[in-house]
Structure formats: structure tokens, C-alpha cells
Amino acid sequence: MIELASVSRTFQVGGEEVHALAGVDLTVAAGSHLAIIGPSGSGKSTLLNILGLLDRPTSGTYHLDGEDVSNLADAERTRLRREAIGFVFQFFHLVPRLTAADNVALPMVFAGVPRGARRRRAAAALEQMGLAGRAAHRPDQLSGGERQRVAIARATVMGPRLLLADEPTGNLDSASGRQVLDLLESMNREGLTLVVITHDPEIAARADRHITLRDGRIVEGE
């Protein structure tokens, strides 16, 4: 599903060129579960942004489902993100003034899904997360674990093929974190390709495979 070949990403910081990624080669099979670990500043977030079409490599190629997406036009990148990729972040990124149901429905609003279908699909997604009774609650009325489950429902309501999770348990207590990982892994078992960014070796050990980044390079994997 994912093929990176010699992918590098450099940034200009002041007068200095910073190599966030340096010649990364990576293949991720469809339906697999990959964990990416490494210290702060190792390039994990940069790699996630490239995989999620939020950023472009400075050099190298990125093929997604056989298509070279390295230099797609912005409109096509937006369409692919909307239809094929879901994102889950450490700090949830829910809209505070919207209910759980309305937060889940947001991607469908941007995709032009009719209102009735949005309501049905958002309700079904929240029920899958065990949150049917919390649909009318705003984020400040939900626990951290509940907010992350709303975020997962929002990330998957469009039926993506790839889910990118950036430290999905980093802002949760242990019990809520385990529940969130169980949900993500159950979706992976149903065929969703799952890539998790983490600093926690225990979370990485739950994946089918993990790689370690250091100074923008893959230094080990199994």
C-alpha cells in the first residue's frame, strides 16, 4: 500500500539546512499494523505528515496504492486525504463548540454528504465506539478517553484505507489508553492499514512490525 523510496525532507531554519528525513525507504503492506518509534526530533512527525499528504518530500518518491503521490496537485491531495486517509492525534483536535455527533460529521460536511446520511453515519460510528449515549455532549463534557474515541470515529467515518495515529494514547490514563489501542487494533484486524507514531516500546510491541527513526533515518526494524 505504501512505498517510500529515498525520501528526504529538508527545512531552512535561519541560515541552516535541517535534514528532518534523510533517504528513507519504507514499504507498508495493505492491512498491516506498523509502529514508528524514536526520540523527539527523530523525524517521526515529518514522516507522518508525508504519509498523510500534509507535506511533500524534498526528494524521493511516495507511492500510495501504486500511485505516485509525491507531486500531486493540491486539490488531488485534498481529495485523497478525505477519501483514503484518517488521522488521530494526541490532543484530539475536536471543535469545542460542536457536539460529539457534529464533530464526527465534519469530514462528511466537507465531502458533501447529505445531512440525513451524515446523521445516520455519525450515529453508527459513535455506536461502534461505545458512545451512542454521548452523541449530544460537547468535548468539555467528555472524558479524555471518550474524546479520543470521538476523534477515532471522526477519522474513520469516511471509510479510509489508511489510519495514521500520532501518539494516540499520549494524553490518556493507562485504562483509557488500552481501550483506544484495542479499538484501533480491532479496525486493523478488519482490514484497515494502521500506522502508529509512539515513543512507548510497549505500544510498538503490539504492532505487526516496528521501525525506529533516529536523525531522520531508519536505524532498526523488525
Protein backbone atom coordinates (compact mmCIF):
# COMPACT_ATOMS: atom_id res chain seq x y z
CA MET A 1 0.00 0.00 0.00
CA ILE A 2 2.77 2.44 1.00
CA GLU A 3 6.12 2.61 -0.78
CA LEU A 4 8.68 5.29 0.06
CA ALA A 5 11.90 5.34 -1.96
CA SER A 6 14.84 7.52 -0.88
CA VAL A 7 12.51 10.07 0.72
CA SER A 8 14.22 13.11 2.20
CA ARG A 9 12.80 16.29 3.71
CA THR A 10 14.87 19.35 4.46
CA PHE A 11 13.90 22.64 6.08
CA GLN A 12 15.63 26.00 6.23
CA VAL A 13 15.95 27.14 9.85
CA GLY A 14 17.58 30.53 9.83
CA GLY A 15 20.61 30.09 7.63
CA GLU A 16 20.91 26.39 8.39
CA GLU A 17 19.54 23.43 6.39
CA VAL A 18 17.96 20.80 8.66
CA HIS A 19 17.53 17.25 7.37
CA ALA A 20 14.32 16.01 9.02
CA LEU A 21 14.33 12.87 6.86
CA ALA A 22 17.34 11.51 5.01
CA GLY A 23 16.87 8.81 2.37
CA VAL A 24 14.03 6.83 3.97
CA ASP A 25 12.97 3.61 2.24
CA LEU A 26 9.79 2.07 3.63
CA THR A 27 7.14 -0.40 2.47
CA VAL A 28 3.88 -0.98 4.36
CA ALA A 29 1.55 -3.72 3.16
CA ALA A 30 -2.19 -3.13 2.98
CA GLY A 31 -3.95 -4.25 6.15
CA SER A 32 -0.80 -4.30 8.28
CA HIS A 33 -0.04 -2.56 11.58
CA LEU A 34 3.21 -0.59 11.72
CA ALA A 35 4.60 1.30 14.71
CA ILE A 36 7.17 4.07 14.23
CA ILE A 37 9.26 4.90 17.30
CA GLY A 38 12.15 7.21 18.01
CA PRO A 39 13.26 10.08 20.24
CA SER A 40 11.98 13.62 19.94
CA GLY A 41 13.35 15.25 16.81
CA SER A 42 13.99 11.94 15.07
CA GLY A 43 11.68 12.72 12.13
CA LYS A 44 8.56 10.80 13.22
CA SER A 45 6.13 13.68 12.75
CA THR A 46 7.72 14.68 9.44
CA LEU A 47 7.30 11.12 8.19
CA LEU A 48 3.68 11.07 9.36
CA ASN A 49 2.98 14.35 7.56
CA ILE A 50 4.39 12.97 4.32
CA LEU A 51 2.45 9.71 4.65
CA GLY A 52 -0.73 11.73 5.30
CA LEU A 53 -0.14 14.05 2.30
CA LEU A 54 0.15 17.02 4.63
CA ASP A 55 3.69 17.66 3.38
CA ARG A 56 5.79 16.79 0.34
CA PRO A 57 9.23 15.16 0.25
CA THR A 58 12.11 17.35 -0.84
CA SER A 59 13.36 14.38 -2.85
CA GLY A 60 12.41 10.75 -3.38
CA THR A 61 9.03 9.21 -4.22
CA TYR A 62 5.90 8.18 -2.34
CA HIS A 63 3.54 5.63 -3.90
CA LEU A 64 0.14 5.08 -2.28
CA ASP A 65 -1.80 2.10 -3.64
CA GLY A 66 0.52 2.08 -6.63
CA GLU A 67 0.05 5.76 -7.48
CA ASP A 68 2.92 8.23 -7.26
CA VAL A 69 1.51 10.91 -4.93
CA SER A 70 4.78 12.79 -4.38
CA ASN A 71 3.87 15.77 -6.55
CA LEU A 72 0.11 15.70 -6.91
CA ALA A 73 -1.76 18.99 -7.25
CA ASP A 74 -3.19 20.35 -4.01
CA ALA A 75 -6.81 19.60 -4.96
CA GLU A 76 -6.00 15.96 -5.67
CA ARG A 77 -4.04 15.63 -2.44
CA THR A 78 -7.03 17.03 -0.53
CA ARG A 79 -9.36 14.54 -2.22
CA LEU A 80 -7.09 11.61 -1.37
CA ARG A 81 -6.77 12.71 2.27
CA ARG A 82 -10.54 12.99 2.54
CA GLU A 83 -11.30 9.64 0.91
CA ALA A 84 -8.37 7.38 1.77
CA ILE A 85 -6.64 8.60 4.96
CA GLY A 86 -7.79 9.11 8.54
CA PHE A 87 -5.86 10.95 11.27
CA VAL A 88 -5.89 10.53 15.07
CA PHE A 89 -3.80 12.91 17.18
CA GLN A 90 -2.64 13.04 20.80
CA PHE A 91 -4.69 16.13 21.64
CA PHE A 92 -7.90 15.06 19.85
CA HIS A 93 -8.40 18.33 17.87
CA LEU A 94 -12.16 18.30 18.36
CA VAL A 95 -14.14 21.51 17.77
CA PRO A 96 -15.10 22.66 21.31
CA ARG A 97 -18.49 24.18 20.45
CA LEU A 98 -19.72 21.14 18.48
CA THR A 99 -21.33 18.02 19.90
CA ALA A 100 -19.68 14.63 19.53
CA ALA A 101 -22.05 13.80 16.67
CA ASP A 102 -21.31 17.07 14.88
CA ASN A 103 -17.55 16.58 15.29
CA VAL A 104 -17.82 13.12 13.73
CA ALA A 105 -19.91 14.53 10.88
CA LEU A 106 -17.38 17.24 9.93
CA PRO A 107 -15.49 15.22 7.26
CA MET A 108 -18.81 14.37 5.64
CA VAL A 109 -19.79 18.05 5.55
CA PHE A 110 -16.63 18.83 3.57
CA ALA A 111 -17.27 15.82 1.32
CA GLY A 112 -20.80 17.00 0.50
CA VAL A 113 -22.62 14.07 2.11
CA PRO A 114 -26.35 14.90 2.55
CA ARG A 115 -27.46 15.88 6.06
CA GLY A 116 -29.62 12.83 6.69
CA ALA A 117 -26.83 10.45 5.70
CA ARG A 118 -24.36 12.40 7.85
CA ARG A 119 -26.57 11.96 10.91
CA ARG A 120 -27.03 8.24 10.32
CA ARG A 121 -23.36 7.57 9.68
CA ALA A 122 -22.18 9.69 12.63
CA ALA A 123 -24.60 7.86 14.94
CA ALA A 124 -23.38 4.48 13.69
CA ALA A 125 -19.73 5.50 14.12
CA LEU A 126 -20.32 6.66 17.70
CA GLU A 127 -22.22 3.47 18.49
CA GLN A 128 -19.24 1.46 17.23
CA MET A 129 -17.08 3.41 19.69
CA GLY A 130 -19.50 2.69 22.56
CA LEU A 131 -20.58 6.34 22.67
CA ALA A 132 -24.18 6.24 21.45
CA GLY A 133 -25.32 7.88 24.68
CA ARG A 134 -22.79 10.71 24.41
CA ALA A 135 -23.63 11.97 20.92
CA ALA A 136 -25.13 15.25 22.16
CA HIS A 137 -22.25 16.06 24.52
CA ARG A 138 -19.58 18.66 23.73
CA PRO A 139 -15.88 17.77 24.19
CA ASP A 140 -15.68 19.54 27.58
CA GLN A 141 -18.41 17.18 28.80
CA LEU A 142 -16.44 14.07 27.86
CA SER A 143 -13.51 12.27 29.47
CA GLY A 144 -10.16 12.08 27.70
CA GLY A 145 -10.80 8.53 26.57
CA GLU A 146 -14.24 9.47 25.26
CA ARG A 147 -12.80 12.42 23.35
CA GLN A 148 -10.23 10.18 21.71
CA ARG A 149 -12.93 7.70 20.73
CA VAL A 150 -14.90 10.56 19.17
CA ALA A 151 -11.73 11.50 17.28
CA ILE A 152 -11.36 7.91 16.05
CA ALA A 153 -14.99 7.88 14.92
CA ARG A 154 -14.38 11.13 13.02
CA ALA A 155 -11.17 9.73 11.47
CA THR A 156 -12.88 6.58 10.20
CA VAL A 157 -16.41 7.71 9.32
CA MET A 158 -15.43 8.22 5.65
CA GLY A 159 -14.12 4.65 5.42
CA PRO A 160 -10.39 5.34 4.88
CA ARG A 161 -7.94 2.64 3.82
CA LEU A 162 -5.11 4.08 5.93
CA LEU A 163 -5.26 5.37 9.52
CA LEU A 164 -2.36 7.43 10.88
CA ALA A 165 -2.29 7.74 14.68
CA ASP A 166 0.19 10.19 16.25
CA GLU A 167 0.74 9.30 19.94
CA PRO A 168 -2.96 8.31 20.24
CA THR A 169 -2.65 7.38 23.94
CA GLY A 170 -0.17 10.09 24.95
CA ASN A 171 -2.80 12.22 26.70
CA LEU A 172 -4.72 9.36 28.33
CA ASP A 173 -4.57 7.33 31.52
CA SER A 174 -3.50 3.69 31.23
CA ALA A 175 -7.00 2.19 31.17
CA SER A 176 -8.29 4.63 28.55
CA GLY A 177 -5.12 4.15 26.52
CA ARG A 178 -5.59 0.38 26.42
CA GLN A 179 -9.21 0.83 25.33
CA VAL A 180 -8.18 3.15 22.49
CA LEU A 181 -5.46 0.75 21.32
CA ASP A 182 -7.93 -2.14 21.41
CA LEU A 183 -10.31 -0.16 19.19
CA LEU A 184 -7.60 0.74 16.70
CA GLU A 185 -6.35 -2.82 16.56
CA SER A 186 -9.86 -4.21 16.05
CA MET A 187 -10.22 -1.95 13.00
CA ASN A 188 -6.83 -3.14 11.76
CA ARG A 189 -8.00 -6.76 12.06
CA GLU A 190 -10.95 -5.83 9.84
CA GLY A 191 -8.54 -4.68 7.10
CA LEU A 192 -7.67 -1.05 7.91
CA THR A 193 -3.96 -0.28 7.47
CA LEU A 194 -2.73 1.22 10.76
CA VAL A 195 0.43 3.30 11.29
CA VAL A 196 1.08 4.43 14.87
CA ILE A 197 3.67 7.01 15.92
CA THR A 198 4.76 6.38 19.51
CA HIS A 199 7.62 6.82 21.96
CA ASP A 200 6.37 3.85 24.02
CA PRO A 201 8.10 0.49 23.32
CA GLU A 202 5.14 -1.40 24.81
CA ILE A 203 2.77 0.15 22.29
CA ALA A 204 5.24 -0.52 19.48
CA ALA A 205 5.45 -4.17 20.56
CA ARG A 206 1.72 -4.58 19.90
CA ALA A 207 2.22 -3.88 16.17
CA ASP A 208 2.96 -6.47 13.50
CA ARG A 209 6.21 -4.64 12.86
CA HIS A 210 8.03 -1.57 14.10
CA ILE A 211 10.78 0.70 12.82
CA THR A 212 12.98 3.10 14.75
CA LEU A 213 13.88 6.55 13.45
CA ARG A 214 16.94 8.47 14.55
CA ASP A 215 18.23 11.67 12.95
CA GLY A 216 15.83 11.23 10.05
CA ARG A 217 16.94 7.69 9.20
CA ILE A 218 15.55 4.23 9.86
CA VAL A 219 18.11 2.61 12.13
CA GLU A 220 16.40 -0.64 13.01
CA GLY A 221 13.17 -2.55 12.43
CA GLU A 222 11.60 -5.93 12.90
